[in-house]
Amino acid sequence: MLGLKAVQAARPELDTAVEHVRTFTILMHERRDQGIFDWIEQVHDGDLPSLQ
């Protein structure tokens, strides 16, 4: 079974996806409602259509 680092090494664009997911998790955990709008904008402006 491949670990996250191995998968990220094989697909560098996943670094961006992982960072977006981590940021989202922090926003939800800390209940930072206003931060979600910035996060949505960053994801929308990014180069990962699957997250848009």
PDB file of N, CA and C in Angstrom:
ATOM      1  N   MET A   1       0.840  -1.180   0.000  1.00  0.00           N
ATOM      2  CA  MET A   1       0.000   0.000   0.000  1.00  0.00           C
ATOM      3  C   MET A   1       0.883   1.240   0.000  1.00  0.00           C
ATOM      4  N   LEU A   2       0.582   2.155  -0.905  1.00  0.00           N
ATOM      5  CA  LEU A   2       1.361   3.375  -1.009  1.00  0.00           C
ATOM      6  C   LEU A   2       0.966   4.379   0.069  1.00  0.00           C
ATOM      7  N   GLY A   3       1.968   5.043   0.616  1.00  0.00           N
ATOM      8  CA  GLY A   3       1.700   6.100   1.578  1.00  0.00           C
ATOM      9  C   GLY A   3       1.433   7.417   0.852  1.00  0.00           C
ATOM     10  N   LEU A   4       0.968   8.406   1.592  1.00  0.00           N
ATOM     11  CA  LEU A   4       0.652   9.707   1.008  1.00  0.00           C
ATOM     12  C   LEU A   4       1.861  10.320   0.317  1.00  0.00           C
ATOM     13  N   LYS A   5       3.026  10.244   0.925  1.00  0.00           N
ATOM     14  CA  LYS A   5       4.226  10.829   0.328  1.00  0.00           C
ATOM     15  C   LYS A   5       4.576  10.168  -1.000  1.00  0.00           C
ATOM     16  N   ALA A   6       4.408   8.871  -1.096  1.00  0.00           N
ATOM     17  CA  ALA A   6       4.699   8.169  -2.343  1.00  0.00           C
ATOM     18  C   ALA A   6       3.732   8.573  -3.441  1.00  0.00           C
ATOM     19  N   VAL A   7       2.467   8.708  -3.084  1.00  0.00           N
ATOM     20  CA  VAL A   7       1.462   9.112  -4.067  1.00  0.00           C
ATOM     21  C   VAL A   7       1.728  10.548  -4.509  1.00  0.00           C
ATOM     22  N   GLN A   8       2.039  11.424  -3.570  1.00  0.00           N
ATOM     23  CA  GLN A   8       2.340  12.810  -3.905  1.00  0.00           C
ATOM     24  C   GLN A   8       3.575  12.900  -4.806  1.00  0.00           C
ATOM     25  N   ALA A   9       4.567  12.071  -4.574  1.00  0.00           N
ATOM     26  CA  ALA A   9       5.763  12.083  -5.397  1.00  0.00           C
ATOM     27  C   ALA A   9       5.436  11.669  -6.827  1.00  0.00           C
ATOM     28  N   ALA A  10       4.511  10.743  -6.980  1.00  0.00           N
ATOM     29  CA  ALA A  10       4.118  10.276  -8.308  1.00  0.00           C
ATOM     30  C   ALA A  10       3.236  11.292  -9.022  1.00  0.00           C
ATOM     31  N   ARG A  11       2.493  12.063  -8.290  1.00  0.00           N
ATOM     32  CA  ARG A  11       1.558  13.054  -8.866  1.00  0.00           C
ATOM     33  C   ARG A  11       1.749  14.386  -8.142  1.00  0.00           C
ATOM     34  N   PRO A  12       2.695  15.212  -8.579  1.00  0.00           N
ATOM     35  CA  PRO A  12       3.011  16.470  -7.883  1.00  0.00           C
ATOM     36  C   PRO A  12       1.817  17.409  -7.683  1.00  0.00           C
ATOM     37  N   GLU A  13       0.826  17.372  -8.570  1.00  0.00           N
ATOM     38  CA  GLU A  13      -0.329  18.258  -8.404  1.00  0.00           C
ATOM     39  C   GLU A  13      -1.130  17.915  -7.157  1.00  0.00           C
ATOM     40  N   LEU A  14      -0.893  16.726  -6.615  1.00  0.00           N
ATOM     41  CA  LEU A  14      -1.604  16.340  -5.394  1.00  0.00           C
ATOM     42  C   LEU A  14      -1.128  17.140  -4.182  1.00  0.00           C
ATOM     43  N   ASP A  15       0.081  17.701  -4.253  1.00  0.00           N
ATOM     44  CA  ASP A  15       0.546  18.561  -3.158  1.00  0.00           C
ATOM     45  C   ASP A  15      -0.439  19.705  -2.943  1.00  0.00           C
ATOM     46  N   THR A  16      -0.881  20.292  -4.048  1.00  0.00           N
ATOM     47  CA  THR A  16      -1.836  21.392  -3.969  1.00  0.00           C
ATOM     48  C   THR A  16      -3.158  20.908  -3.394  1.00  0.00           C
ATOM     49  N   ALA A  17      -3.627  19.775  -3.854  1.00  0.00           N
ATOM     50  CA  ALA A  17      -4.892  19.230  -3.351  1.00  0.00           C
ATOM     51  C   ALA A  17      -4.801  18.933  -1.860  1.00  0.00           C
ATOM     52  N   VAL A  18      -3.707  18.341  -1.434  1.00  0.00           N
ATOM     53  CA  VAL A  18      -3.518  18.021  -0.016  1.00  0.00           C
ATOM     54  C   VAL A  18      -3.507  19.305   0.811  1.00  0.00           C
ATOM     55  N   GLU A  19      -2.846  20.335   0.315  1.00  0.00           N
ATOM     56  CA  GLU A  19      -2.801  21.605   1.041  1.00  0.00           C
ATOM     57  C   GLU A  19      -4.201  22.227   1.144  1.00  0.00           C
ATOM     58  N   HIS A  20      -4.974  22.160   0.078  1.00  0.00           N
ATOM     59  CA  HIS A  20      -6.344  22.680   0.124  1.00  0.00           C
ATOM     60  C   HIS A  20      -7.178  21.914   1.149  1.00  0.00           C
ATOM     61  N   VAL A  21      -7.047  20.614   1.174  1.00  0.00           N
ATOM     62  CA  VAL A  21      -7.821  19.800   2.123  1.00  0.00           C
ATOM     63  C   VAL A  21      -7.391  20.094   3.558  1.00  0.00           C
ATOM     64  N   ARG A  22      -6.101  20.233   3.780  1.00  0.00           N
ATOM     65  CA  ARG A  22      -5.614  20.550   5.140  1.00  0.00           C
ATOM     66  C   ARG A  22      -6.142  21.908   5.593  1.00  0.00           C
ATOM     67  N   THR A  23      -6.082  22.893   4.698  1.00  0.00           N
ATOM     68  CA  THR A  23      -6.582  24.222   5.039  1.00  0.00           C
ATOM     69  C   THR A  23      -8.071  24.172   5.352  1.00  0.00           C
ATOM     70  N   PHE A  24      -8.837  23.441   4.534  1.00  0.00           N
ATOM     71  CA  PHE A  24     -10.269  23.293   4.773  1.00  0.00           C
ATOM     72  C   PHE A  24     -10.526  22.657   6.136  1.00  0.00           C
ATOM     73  N   THR A  25      -9.765  21.641   6.454  1.00  0.00           N
ATOM     74  CA  THR A  25      -9.920  20.949   7.740  1.00  0.00           C
ATOM     75  C   THR A  25      -9.675  21.905   8.902  1.00  0.00           C
ATOM     76  N   ILE A  26      -8.646  22.720   8.795  1.00  0.00           N
ATOM     77  CA  ILE A  26      -8.345  23.700   9.850  1.00  0.00           C
ATOM     78  C   ILE A  26      -9.481  24.707   9.975  1.00  0.00           C
ATOM     79  N   LEU A  27      -9.964  25.205   8.830  1.00  0.00           N
ATOM     80  CA  LEU A  27     -11.068  26.164   8.861  1.00  0.00           C
ATOM     81  C   LEU A  27     -12.289  25.578   9.555  1.00  0.00           C
ATOM     82  N   MET A  28     -12.613  24.344   9.255  1.00  0.00           N
ATOM     83  CA  MET A  28     -13.780  23.714   9.860  1.00  0.00           C
ATOM     84  C   MET A  28     -13.550  23.421  11.338  1.00  0.00           C
ATOM     85  N   HIS A  29     -12.376  22.932  11.664  1.00  0.00           N
ATOM     86  CA  HIS A  29     -12.067  22.587  13.056  1.00  0.00           C
ATOM     87  C   HIS A  29     -12.096  23.825  13.956  1.00  0.00           C
ATOM     88  N   GLU A  30     -11.539  24.934  13.426  1.00  0.00           N
ATOM     89  CA  GLU A  30     -11.466  26.165  14.212  1.00  0.00           C
ATOM     90  C   GLU A  30     -12.693  27.054  14.014  1.00  0.00           C
ATOM     91  N   ARG A  31     -13.633  26.565  13.212  1.00  0.00           N
ATOM     92  CA  ARG A  31     -14.888  27.277  12.950  1.00  0.00           C
ATOM     93  C   ARG A  31     -14.651  28.711  12.476  1.00  0.00           C
ATOM     94  N   ARG A  32     -13.699  28.839  11.529  1.00  0.00           N
ATOM     95  CA  ARG A  32     -13.398  30.154  10.960  1.00  0.00           C
ATOM     96  C   ARG A  32     -14.271  30.363   9.726  1.00  0.00           C
ATOM     97  N   ASP A  33     -15.486  30.806   9.968  1.00  0.00           N
ATOM     98  CA  ASP A  33     -16.467  30.951   8.895  1.00  0.00           C
ATOM     99  C   ASP A  33     -16.007  31.899   7.792  1.00  0.00           C
ATOM    100  N   GLN A  34     -15.435  33.030   8.144  1.00  0.00           N
ATOM    101  CA  GLN A  34     -15.035  34.000   7.139  1.00  0.00           C
ATOM    102  C   GLN A  34     -13.903  33.475   6.262  1.00  0.00           C
ATOM    103  N   GLY A  35     -13.049  32.645   6.791  1.00  0.00           N
ATOM    104  CA  GLY A  35     -11.937  32.090   6.028  1.00  0.00           C
ATOM    105  C   GLY A  35     -12.375  31.186   4.889  1.00  0.00           C
ATOM    106  N   ILE A  36     -13.579  30.657   4.987  1.00  0.00           N
ATOM    107  CA  ILE A  36     -14.042  29.726   3.953  1.00  0.00           C
ATOM    108  C   ILE A  36     -14.203  30.428   2.609  1.00  0.00           C
ATOM    109  N   PHE A  37     -14.563  31.710   2.636  1.00  0.00           N
ATOM    110  CA  PHE A  37     -14.729  32.432   1.377  1.00  0.00           C
ATOM    111  C   PHE A  37     -13.387  32.616   0.662  1.00  0.00           C
ATOM    112  N   ASP A  38     -12.333  32.896   1.414  1.00  0.00           N
ATOM    113  CA  ASP A  38     -10.998  32.986   0.826  1.00  0.00           C
ATOM    114  C   ASP A  38     -10.552  31.631   0.297  1.00  0.00           C
ATOM    115  N   TRP A  39     -10.860  30.582   1.058  1.00  0.00           N
ATOM    116  CA  TRP A  39     -10.488  29.234   0.633  1.00  0.00           C
ATOM    117  C   TRP A  39     -11.191  28.873  -0.673  1.00  0.00           C
ATOM    118  N   ILE A  40     -12.482  29.162  -0.754  1.00  0.00           N
ATOM    119  CA  ILE A  40     -13.234  28.871  -1.980  1.00  0.00           C
ATOM    120  C   ILE A  40     -12.628  29.610  -3.161  1.00  0.00           C
ATOM    121  N   GLU A  41     -12.267  30.859  -2.967  1.00  0.00           N
ATOM    122  CA  GLU A  41     -11.666  31.644  -4.047  1.00  0.00           C
ATOM    123  C   GLU A  41     -10.330  31.047  -4.481  1.00  0.00           C
ATOM    124  N   GLN A  42      -9.508  30.645  -3.526  1.00  0.00           N
ATOM    125  CA  GLN A  42      -8.214  30.035  -3.855  1.00  0.00           C
ATOM    126  C   GLN A  42      -8.404  28.745  -4.644  1.00  0.00           C
ATOM    127  N   VAL A  43      -9.334  27.918  -4.224  1.00  0.00           N
ATOM    128  CA  VAL A  43      -9.579  26.658  -4.921  1.00  0.00           C
ATOM    129  C   VAL A  43     -10.131  26.945  -6.318  1.00  0.00           C
ATOM    130  N   HIS A  44     -11.058  27.864  -6.406  1.00  0.00           N
ATOM    131  CA  HIS A  44     -11.655  28.197  -7.702  1.00  0.00           C
ATOM    132  C   HIS A  44     -10.611  28.748  -8.682  1.00  0.00           C
ATOM    133  N   ASP A  45      -9.691  29.560  -8.178  1.00  0.00           N
ATOM    134  CA  ASP A  45      -8.653  30.159  -9.029  1.00  0.00           C
ATOM    135  C   ASP A  45      -7.495  29.204  -9.306  1.00  0.00           C
ATOM    136  N   GLY A  46      -7.477  28.076  -8.631  1.00  0.00           N
ATOM    137  CA  GLY A  46      -6.387  27.113  -8.776  1.00  0.00           C
ATOM    138  C   GLY A  46      -6.473  26.318 -10.055  1.00  0.00           C
ATOM    139  N   ASP A  47      -5.550  25.386 -10.182  1.00  0.00           N
ATOM    140  CA  ASP A  47      -5.450  24.583 -11.402  1.00  0.00           C
ATOM    141  C   ASP A  47      -5.891  23.131 -11.206  1.00  0.00           C
ATOM    142  N   LEU A  48      -6.819  22.933 -10.272  1.00  0.00           N
ATOM    143  CA  LEU A  48      -7.313  21.586 -10.010  1.00  0.00           C
ATOM    144  C   LEU A  48      -8.819  21.533 -10.286  1.00  0.00           C
ATOM    145  N   PRO A  49      -9.217  21.279 -11.509  1.00  0.00           N
ATOM    146  CA  PRO A  49     -10.637  21.264 -11.854  1.00  0.00           C
ATOM    147  C   PRO A  49     -11.483  20.351 -10.976  1.00  0.00           C
ATOM    148  N   SER A  50     -10.911  19.267 -10.493  1.00  0.00           N
ATOM    149  CA  SER A  50     -11.687  18.336  -9.676  1.00  0.00           C
ATOM    150  C   SER A  50     -12.106  18.954  -8.344  1.00  0.00           C
ATOM    151  N   LEU A  51     -11.400  19.975  -7.868  1.00  0.00           N
ATOM    152  CA  LEU A  51     -11.789  20.651  -6.631  1.00  0.00           C
ATOM    153  C   LEU A  51     -12.663  21.864  -6.895  1.00  0.00           C
ATOM    154  N   GLN A  52     -12.646  22.342  -8.106  1.00  0.00           N
ATOM    155  CA  GLN A  52     -13.413  23.547  -8.405  1.00  0.00           C
ATOM    156  C   GLN A  52     -14.881  23.217  -8.387  1.00  0.00           C
TER     157      GLN A  52
END
